[in-house]
Amino acid sequence: MNETVYLSDARGPLRIEYSRTAMEEIRQRAREGLMAAPRVGMGVGGLLLGVRENGRIRLLDSVEIPCSHSGGPSFNLTAEEKREGHAMIAEAGAASVSGRVDVIGWYCSKTRGYATLNESDLNLYAEWFPDSWHIALVVRPSAAEPMHAAFFFRDENGGVVKGVECDVDEWWPGPGRDTAADETEVALAEAESVEALEVPSKPVPPHVVEIRPAAAPVPGTPEVVEPPLPVPIAKPAGTMLSDIVEIASPHAPGVAEETPARPRVPSFGYSNLVPARPARKKRRNLLGVLGAAAALAIGVGAYVSRDFWMPKPPLMLTSTELNGTLLIRWNPEALRGIDHASMFVNDGGQPTPSVIALDRFQLNSGLLSYTPKSERVTAKLDAGETSALTAWFAPTPTPTPSPAAGNAPPPAAQPAPTNARKANK
């Protein structure tokens, strides 16, 4: 499978070319944000890195922009986070001057609704990416279906227009597979197919068996003479009575006398009549024991090294409130072989999150108790290359009706006004 995907829309000038590896990284971030908070999900976003050449935009990599979600589950950055984003764009722009990739746009995920840009996204698009060639990518992750992706660009009048759309499946390169080798194989396959169509096939000559004469003996070499084959002895046509008598007689010449069998001598007073156990059965028992020991050793080795060959499930992080305590849970099997990790807690939109160190015992327990100080808490579990997000929002209290208002009697009905003319009559 080719590692590069080409997208284009005949109705617009946008030509997109993205790397499957780069899109798979964006898909994983969007799915982690979707699974971070139950029923609502957490939006993620970042910068798109690539190059522009020959009227085509090539997406090669991406950089995630940290978001504390202090304003809700959507991808809305605070003032401090926007300053950090500006610094990241400036750093990427300085690196592009030296010949590396440039910032070609940005991306964000939508956990609910459609893959489109809202008013806040359009403001960020206009503020950070004012050039006409900058693009925007909106992804809609799903836990059971392929991720939907939509690219946006600016038209001739500067308006934001939706371009190509596609579905992105989960993808990973095969072990030891080189993408450059894939493209080379595709090119060779196309060349071979064209050559096969243009050049007619040549007739295959019939198989010829060459018979060579035997080599002449070298002078001076002794000749090897093979021994003659034994000549079978011809049996007589008939059998005489004298022959039968000679063969049957125990004293016939050429026939050895039968030696009588010697009786077994009893050992220690018992008759030695039980035969000895054959050695083949002992050998089978020994092979069975060795096989069982080898299987046990293989099983123990596989169990000890399971952290290296057994696939790990994705890390899931959830948060629930119980009697004023926030319980943050995760699946310990996703952190097999990890000795320590860090929990970053943002309570009430604080500028710097609190860091809680977790050892191996706490990671295996899968639970962390935290006392919230506000009505909005965001937690991120960072274990090296594995991370997950969760958010908790205090439920809005339901207003209760006032007892005085509930027991007040209904207002008395006022009598209808009397017609003055009828009264005069």
Protein backbone atom coordinates (compact mmCIF):
# COMPACT_ATOMS: atom_id res chain seq x y z
CA MET A 1 0.00 0.00 0.00
CA ASN A 2 1.32 3.42 -0.94
CA GLU A 3 2.10 5.65 2.03
CA THR A 4 0.94 8.85 0.23
CA VAL A 5 -2.70 9.75 -0.46
CA TYR A 6 -3.69 12.24 -3.19
CA LEU A 7 -6.92 14.23 -2.88
CA SER A 8 -8.44 16.72 -5.31
CA ASP A 9 -11.80 18.26 -6.09
CA ALA A 10 -12.81 19.12 -9.65
CA ARG A 11 -15.05 21.93 -8.36
CA GLY A 12 -12.18 23.78 -6.64
CA PRO A 13 -8.46 24.45 -7.05
CA LEU A 14 -7.43 22.65 -3.84
CA ARG A 15 -4.95 19.78 -4.35
CA ILE A 16 -3.99 17.91 -1.20
CA GLU A 17 -1.37 15.22 -0.69
CA TYR A 18 -0.93 13.79 2.82
CA SER A 19 1.21 11.15 4.44
CA ARG A 20 -0.67 8.25 6.01
CA THR A 21 1.72 8.32 8.96
CA ALA A 22 0.98 12.00 9.64
CA MET A 23 -2.79 11.49 9.28
CA GLU A 24 -2.70 8.42 11.54
CA GLU A 25 -1.03 10.50 14.28
CA ILE A 26 -3.81 13.10 14.01
CA ARG A 27 -6.43 10.33 14.08
CA GLN A 28 -4.98 8.85 17.29
CA ARG A 29 -4.94 12.26 19.03
CA ALA A 30 -8.54 12.92 18.01
CA ARG A 31 -9.67 9.48 19.22
CA GLU A 32 -7.90 9.92 22.58
CA GLY A 33 -9.71 13.24 23.01
CA LEU A 34 -13.02 11.56 22.12
CA MET A 35 -12.54 8.86 24.76
CA ALA A 36 -11.26 11.28 27.42
CA ALA A 37 -14.68 12.48 28.61
CA PRO A 38 -17.78 10.24 28.54
CA ARG A 39 -20.61 11.28 26.19
CA VAL A 40 -19.03 14.64 25.24
CA GLY A 41 -15.37 14.07 24.33
CA MET A 42 -12.53 16.59 24.30
CA GLY A 43 -11.52 18.51 21.19
CA VAL A 44 -7.85 18.65 20.20
CA GLY A 45 -5.94 20.78 17.71
CA GLY A 46 -2.52 21.71 16.42
CA LEU A 47 -0.36 22.90 13.55
CA LEU A 48 -0.05 21.24 10.12
CA LEU A 49 3.48 21.01 8.73
CA GLY A 50 4.36 20.41 5.09
CA VAL A 51 5.53 21.95 1.84
CA ARG A 52 3.99 23.68 -1.19
CA GLU A 53 5.16 22.77 -4.65
CA ASN A 54 3.65 22.80 -8.15
CA GLY A 55 0.27 24.02 -6.92
CA ARG A 56 -0.10 21.09 -4.49
CA ILE A 57 0.05 21.15 -0.68
CA ARG A 58 1.81 18.19 0.93
CA LEU A 59 0.95 17.38 4.60
CA LEU A 60 3.95 15.64 6.17
CA ASP A 61 3.68 16.15 9.95
CA SER A 62 1.75 17.89 12.74
CA VAL A 63 2.38 19.46 16.16
CA GLU A 64 -0.25 19.36 18.93
CA ILE A 65 -1.14 22.64 20.69
CA PRO A 66 -1.83 22.07 24.42
CA CYS A 67 -5.35 23.02 25.50
CA SER A 68 -6.55 23.04 29.14
CA HIS A 69 -10.27 23.11 28.10
CA SER A 70 -10.96 25.74 30.74
CA GLY A 71 -13.92 26.97 28.69
CA GLY A 72 -15.46 23.57 27.97
CA PRO A 73 -14.79 20.38 26.03
CA SER A 74 -14.27 22.17 22.69
CA PHE A 75 -10.87 23.24 21.40
CA ASN A 76 -10.90 26.85 22.70
CA LEU A 77 -7.55 28.31 23.73
CA THR A 78 -6.96 30.77 26.54
CA ALA A 79 -4.87 33.92 26.14
CA GLU A 80 -1.79 32.18 27.56
CA GLU A 81 -2.28 29.18 25.29
CA LYS A 82 -2.65 31.47 22.26
CA ARG A 83 0.68 33.11 23.10
CA GLU A 84 2.27 29.66 23.26
CA GLY A 85 0.71 28.85 19.88
CA HIS A 86 2.16 32.05 18.37
CA ALA A 87 5.58 31.05 19.69
CA MET A 88 5.24 27.59 18.12
CA ILE A 89 4.31 29.11 14.74
CA ALA A 90 7.28 31.49 14.91
CA GLU A 91 9.64 28.64 15.78
CA ALA A 92 8.35 26.51 12.89
CA GLY A 93 8.66 29.47 10.52
CA ALA A 94 12.28 30.02 11.55
CA ALA A 95 13.01 26.35 10.92
CA SER A 96 11.43 26.51 7.46
CA VAL A 97 13.92 29.20 6.39
CA SER A 98 16.72 26.65 6.80
CA GLY A 99 15.06 24.32 4.29
CA ARG A 100 12.72 22.30 6.50
CA VAL A 101 8.93 22.04 6.33
CA ASP A 102 6.70 25.09 6.83
CA VAL A 103 3.43 25.66 8.70
CA ILE A 104 0.74 25.11 6.02
CA GLY A 105 -2.29 25.49 8.32
CA TRP A 106 -3.95 24.00 11.39
CA TYR A 107 -6.35 21.24 12.44
CA CYS A 108 -9.00 20.65 15.11
CA SER A 109 -11.36 17.82 16.04
CA LYS A 110 -15.12 17.89 16.56
CA THR A 111 -16.47 15.24 18.91
CA ARG A 112 -20.10 16.12 18.16
CA GLY A 113 -21.98 17.32 15.12
CA TYR A 114 -20.41 17.72 11.68
CA ALA A 115 -16.84 18.34 10.55
CA THR A 116 -17.13 22.10 10.02
CA LEU A 117 -15.69 25.37 11.37
CA ASN A 118 -17.64 27.45 13.89
CA GLU A 119 -17.27 31.17 14.62
CA SER A 120 -14.44 30.68 17.13
CA ASP A 121 -12.55 28.49 14.64
CA LEU A 122 -12.95 31.07 11.88
CA ASN A 123 -11.57 33.81 14.16
CA LEU A 124 -8.52 31.67 14.98
CA TYR A 125 -8.12 30.85 11.28
CA ALA A 126 -8.11 34.56 10.35
CA GLU A 127 -5.79 35.54 13.23
CA TRP A 128 -3.10 32.87 12.91
CA PHE A 129 -3.21 31.92 9.22
CA PRO A 130 -4.03 35.00 7.12
CA ASP A 131 -2.30 33.88 3.89
CA SER A 132 -4.47 32.71 1.00
CA TRP A 133 -2.71 29.33 0.72
CA HIS A 134 -3.17 28.36 4.37
CA ILE A 135 -5.54 25.42 4.88
CA ALA A 136 -7.60 24.07 7.79
CA LEU A 137 -8.38 20.44 8.58
CA VAL A 138 -11.44 19.45 10.63
CA VAL A 139 -11.71 15.80 11.74
CA ARG A 140 -14.68 13.96 13.24
CA PRO A 141 -13.36 10.94 15.20
CA SER A 142 -15.41 7.84 15.95
CA ALA A 143 -14.89 4.83 18.20
CA ALA A 144 -16.39 2.29 15.78
CA GLU A 145 -16.27 3.90 12.31
CA PRO A 146 -13.52 5.53 10.19
CA MET A 147 -12.62 9.12 11.02
CA HIS A 148 -14.14 11.73 8.68
CA ALA A 149 -11.83 14.54 7.51
CA ALA A 150 -12.66 17.78 5.67
CA PHE A 151 -10.17 20.31 4.29
CA PHE A 152 -10.97 24.05 4.11
CA PHE A 153 -9.25 26.78 2.05
CA ARG A 154 -9.77 30.39 0.95
CA ASP A 155 -11.23 31.28 -2.43
CA GLU A 156 -10.32 34.23 -4.65
CA ASN A 157 -12.47 36.61 -2.57
CA GLY A 158 -10.92 35.50 0.75
CA GLY A 159 -13.95 33.49 1.90
CA VAL A 160 -13.45 30.14 3.68
CA VAL A 161 -14.72 27.28 1.50
CA LYS A 162 -14.94 23.57 2.22
CA GLY A 163 -12.76 21.54 -0.14
CA VAL A 164 -12.21 17.80 -0.39
CA GLU A 165 -13.61 15.33 2.15
CA CYS A 166 -12.59 11.75 2.89
CA ASP A 167 -12.74 8.96 5.46
CA VAL A 168 -9.51 7.98 7.23
CA ASP A 169 -9.12 4.37 8.39
CA GLU A 170 -6.63 3.17 10.98
CA TRP A 171 -3.28 2.55 9.29
CA TRP A 172 0.22 1.54 10.25
CA PRO A 173 3.20 0.59 8.08
CA GLY A 174 4.21 -3.04 8.00
CA PRO A 175 7.26 -4.21 9.98
CA GLY A 176 10.45 -3.31 8.19
CA ARG A 177 8.56 -1.70 5.32
CA ASP A 178 10.09 1.31 3.61
CA THR A 179 7.76 3.81 1.98
CA ALA A 180 10.38 4.71 -0.62
CA ALA A 181 10.63 1.02 -1.50
CA ASP A 182 6.83 0.90 -1.90
CA GLU A 183 6.88 3.76 -4.40
CA THR A 184 9.77 2.12 -6.28
CA GLU A 185 7.88 -1.18 -6.46
CA VAL A 186 4.79 0.58 -7.80
CA ALA A 187 6.85 2.32 -10.49
CA LEU A 188 8.55 -0.96 -11.48
CA ALA A 189 5.22 -2.77 -11.61
CA GLU A 190 3.76 -0.10 -13.90
CA ALA A 191 6.84 -0.24 -16.19
CA GLU A 192 6.62 -4.04 -16.38
CA SER A 193 2.93 -3.93 -17.23
CA VAL A 194 3.56 -1.43 -20.06
CA GLU A 195 6.46 -3.53 -21.39
CA ALA A 196 4.31 -6.66 -21.29
CA LEU A 197 1.65 -4.93 -23.40
CA GLU A 198 4.09 -3.56 -26.01
CA VAL A 199 6.63 -6.43 -26.44
CA PRO A 200 5.19 -9.78 -27.69
CA SER A 201 6.29 -12.86 -25.86
CA LYS A 202 8.95 -15.04 -27.55
CA PRO A 203 8.29 -18.77 -28.14
CA VAL A 204 9.97 -20.95 -25.57
CA PRO A 205 12.25 -23.60 -27.16
CA PRO A 206 11.53 -27.24 -26.32
CA HIS A 207 13.52 -28.88 -23.57
CA VAL A 208 16.65 -30.55 -24.95
CA VAL A 209 18.43 -33.34 -23.10
CA GLU A 210 22.13 -33.59 -23.94
CA ILE A 211 23.66 -37.05 -23.84
CA ARG A 212 27.43 -37.08 -23.39
CA PRO A 213 29.67 -40.11 -24.05
CA ALA A 214 31.46 -41.75 -21.17
CA ALA A 215 34.85 -40.29 -20.39
CA ALA A 216 37.83 -42.29 -21.62
CA PRO A 217 40.11 -43.65 -18.91
CA VAL A 218 43.25 -41.69 -18.23
CA PRO A 219 46.45 -43.56 -19.15
CA GLY A 220 48.29 -44.86 -16.13
CA THR A 221 45.18 -45.09 -13.95
CA PRO A 222 44.49 -48.59 -12.55
CA GLU A 223 41.25 -50.07 -13.76
CA VAL A 224 38.68 -50.76 -11.08
CA VAL A 225 37.13 -54.19 -11.48
CA GLU A 226 33.73 -54.61 -9.86
CA PRO A 227 33.01 -57.97 -8.21
CA PRO A 228 30.63 -60.24 -10.12
CA LEU A 229 27.09 -60.62 -8.92
CA PRO A 230 26.23 -63.85 -7.11
CA VAL A 231 24.70 -66.50 -9.35
CA PRO A 232 21.49 -67.93 -7.91
CA ILE A 233 21.56 -71.70 -7.26
CA ALA A 234 19.06 -73.62 -9.31
CA LYS A 235 16.65 -75.76 -7.34
CA PRO A 236 16.09 -79.34 -8.42
CA ALA A 237 12.89 -80.13 -10.19
CA GLY A 238 11.95 -82.88 -7.72
CA THR A 239 12.69 -83.86 -4.11
CA MET A 240 13.80 -87.34 -3.21
CA LEU A 241 12.80 -89.23 -0.01
CA SER A 242 16.43 -89.51 1.01
CA ASP A 243 16.71 -85.74 0.98
CA ILE A 244 13.70 -85.40 3.31
CA VAL A 245 15.14 -88.01 5.69
CA GLU A 246 18.51 -86.29 5.82
CA ILE A 247 16.96 -82.88 6.56
CA ALA A 248 14.61 -84.20 9.27
CA SER A 249 17.22 -86.32 11.03
CA PRO A 250 18.86 -84.53 14.02
CA HIS A 251 22.08 -86.42 13.39
CA ALA A 252 22.24 -85.59 9.74
CA PRO A 253 25.59 -84.23 8.64
CA GLY A 254 25.78 -80.47 8.63
CA VAL A 255 22.95 -80.00 11.16
CA ALA A 256 23.88 -78.82 14.68
CA GLU A 257 22.39 -80.63 17.61
CA GLU A 258 19.84 -78.71 19.64
CA THR A 259 21.13 -77.72 23.07
CA PRO A 260 18.54 -78.13 25.84
CA ALA A 261 17.53 -74.93 27.57
CA ARG A 262 19.05 -74.35 31.01
CA PRO A 263 16.53 -73.74 33.78
CA ARG A 264 16.52 -70.36 35.51
CA VAL A 265 18.24 -70.26 38.84
CA PRO A 266 16.09 -68.73 41.60
CA SER A 267 17.44 -65.50 43.11
CA PHE A 268 17.07 -65.01 46.87
CA GLY A 269 14.57 -67.81 47.08
CA TYR A 270 12.14 -66.49 44.43
CA SER A 271 11.65 -67.81 40.97
CA ASN A 272 13.11 -65.51 38.35
CA LEU A 273 10.07 -65.69 36.04
CA VAL A 274 9.19 -61.95 35.70
CA PRO A 275 10.85 -60.45 32.61
CA ALA A 276 12.88 -57.25 32.98
CA ARG A 277 11.21 -53.92 32.01
CA PRO A 278 12.25 -52.87 28.53
CA ALA A 279 14.53 -49.83 28.24
CA ARG A 280 12.28 -48.26 25.57
CA LYS A 281 9.55 -47.42 28.10
CA LYS A 282 12.06 -45.69 30.37
CA ARG A 283 13.28 -43.67 27.41
CA ARG A 284 9.71 -42.59 26.62
CA ASN A 285 9.14 -41.46 30.20
CA LEU A 286 12.37 -39.45 30.14
CA LEU A 287 11.38 -37.75 26.87
CA GLY A 288 7.97 -36.89 28.32
CA VAL A 289 9.53 -35.30 31.41
CA LEU A 290 11.97 -33.31 29.28
CA GLY A 291 9.14 -32.13 26.98
CA ALA A 292 7.02 -31.02 29.94
CA ALA A 293 10.00 -29.15 31.43
CA ALA A 294 10.68 -27.41 28.10
CA ALA A 295 7.02 -26.40 27.73
CA LEU A 296 7.01 -25.06 31.30
CA ALA A 297 10.19 -23.07 30.64
CA ILE A 298 8.71 -21.60 27.43
CA GLY A 299 5.50 -20.64 29.26
CA VAL A 300 7.40 -18.97 32.11
CA GLY A 301 9.61 -17.07 29.64
CA ALA A 302 6.58 -15.90 27.66
CA TYR A 303 4.84 -14.73 30.84
CA VAL A 304 7.91 -12.86 32.08
CA SER A 305 8.46 -11.16 28.71
CA ARG A 306 4.78 -10.44 28.01
CA ASP A 307 5.38 -6.70 28.33
CA PHE A 308 7.52 -6.80 25.18
CA TRP A 309 5.49 -9.02 22.79
CA MET A 310 1.89 -8.88 24.04
CA PRO A 311 -0.06 -5.93 22.52
CA LYS A 312 -1.37 -3.38 24.99
CA PRO A 313 -4.89 -1.92 24.83
CA PRO A 314 -5.32 1.86 24.43
CA LEU A 315 -5.17 3.91 27.63
CA MET A 316 -8.64 4.98 28.88
CA LEU A 317 -9.05 7.71 31.52
CA THR A 318 -12.38 8.55 33.23
CA SER A 319 -13.44 10.72 36.17
CA THR A 320 -16.48 10.49 38.46
CA GLU A 321 -17.49 12.37 41.64
CA LEU A 322 -18.45 10.51 44.81
CA ASN A 323 -19.31 12.35 48.07
CA GLY A 324 -17.18 15.37 47.19
CA THR A 325 -14.16 13.32 46.02
CA LEU A 326 -13.15 13.05 42.35
CA LEU A 327 -12.21 9.47 41.41
CA ILE A 328 -9.89 9.30 38.38
CA ARG A 329 -9.69 5.76 36.94
CA TRP A 330 -7.69 4.14 34.13
CA ASN A 331 -7.04 0.61 32.82
CA PRO A 332 -3.76 -0.72 34.33
CA GLU A 333 -3.23 -3.29 31.55
CA ALA A 334 -2.46 -0.40 29.17
CA LEU A 335 0.56 0.56 31.35
CA ARG A 336 2.28 -2.82 31.63
CA GLY A 337 6.03 -2.49 32.08
CA ILE A 338 5.85 1.22 33.05
CA ASP A 339 7.34 2.05 36.48
CA HIS A 340 6.34 5.70 36.88
CA ALA A 341 4.07 8.33 35.33
CA SER A 342 2.70 11.82 36.02
CA MET A 343 -0.85 13.12 36.45
CA PHE A 344 -1.34 16.77 35.40
CA VAL A 345 -4.41 18.26 37.11
CA ASN A 346 -5.88 21.63 36.08
CA ASP A 347 -8.40 22.73 38.72
CA GLY A 348 -10.54 25.72 37.73
CA GLY A 349 -8.41 26.87 34.79
CA GLN A 350 -5.22 27.54 36.76
CA PRO A 351 -2.31 28.78 34.60
CA THR A 352 0.04 25.96 35.61
CA PRO A 353 -1.42 22.48 36.27
CA SER A 354 -0.54 20.54 39.39
CA VAL A 355 1.73 17.52 38.91
CA ILE A 356 1.11 14.30 40.87
CA ALA A 357 3.82 11.62 40.59
CA LEU A 358 2.57 8.02 40.29
CA ASP A 359 4.72 4.99 41.08
CA ARG A 360 4.25 1.46 39.81
CA PHE A 361 2.01 0.43 42.71
CA GLN A 362 -0.37 3.34 42.03
CA LEU A 363 -0.34 2.63 38.29
CA ASN A 364 -1.33 -1.00 38.92
CA SER A 365 -4.19 0.12 41.21
CA GLY A 366 -5.81 2.13 38.40
CA LEU A 367 -7.33 4.74 40.75
CA LEU A 368 -6.44 8.23 42.00
CA SER A 369 -8.57 10.18 44.53
CA TYR A 370 -8.58 13.97 44.21
CA THR A 371 -10.54 16.64 46.10
CA PRO A 372 -11.74 19.26 43.57
CA LYS A 373 -11.53 22.95 44.48
CA SER A 374 -13.73 24.22 41.66
CA GLU A 375 -16.53 23.05 39.39
CA ARG A 376 -14.22 22.13 36.49
CA VAL A 377 -11.24 19.78 36.67
CA THR A 378 -9.11 18.51 33.75
CA ALA A 379 -6.64 15.66 34.27
CA LYS A 380 -4.02 14.20 31.90
CA LEU A 381 -2.10 10.98 32.58
CA ASP A 382 1.32 11.11 30.89
CA ALA A 383 3.31 7.84 30.81
CA GLY A 384 6.01 8.49 28.25
CA GLU A 385 4.64 7.70 24.79
CA THR A 386 1.19 6.89 26.22
CA SER A 387 -1.19 9.60 27.46
CA ALA A 388 -4.92 10.16 28.01
CA LEU A 389 -7.22 13.06 28.99
CA THR A 390 -10.38 13.36 31.08
CA ALA A 391 -12.51 16.26 32.25
CA TRP A 392 -15.07 16.63 35.02
CA PHE A 393 -17.72 19.34 35.25
CA ALA A 394 -19.85 19.82 38.36
CA PRO A 395 -23.55 19.23 37.61
CA THR A 396 -25.76 22.33 37.54
CA PRO A 397 -28.10 22.38 40.58
CA THR A 398 -31.81 22.14 39.74
CA PRO A 399 -33.83 25.11 41.18
CA THR A 400 -36.51 24.05 43.71
CA PRO A 401 -39.84 25.93 43.96
CA SER A 402 -40.37 28.14 47.03
CA PRO A 403 -42.79 26.73 49.65
CA ALA A 404 -44.60 30.11 50.03
CA ALA A 405 -45.14 30.36 46.31
CA GLY A 406 -46.44 26.80 46.15
CA ASN A 407 -49.00 27.24 48.98
CA ALA A 408 -50.32 30.66 47.91
CA PRO A 409 -54.05 30.54 47.02
CA PRO A 410 -55.05 31.39 43.48
CA PRO A 411 -56.23 34.99 42.87
CA ALA A 412 -59.99 35.58 43.25
CA ALA A 413 -61.97 36.04 40.10
CA GLN A 414 -63.27 39.59 39.59
CA PRO A 415 -66.95 40.07 38.56
CA ALA A 416 -67.59 41.06 34.99
CA PRO A 417 -68.49 44.75 34.45
CA THR A 418 -72.23 45.50 34.23
CA ASN A 419 -73.56 47.09 31.06
CA ALA A 420 -74.65 50.65 32.00
CA ARG A 421 -77.37 50.85 29.28
CA LYS A 422 -79.08 47.68 30.47
CA ALA A 423 -79.10 49.02 34.03
CA ASN A 424 -80.82 52.26 32.92
CA LYS A 425 -83.47 50.34 31.11
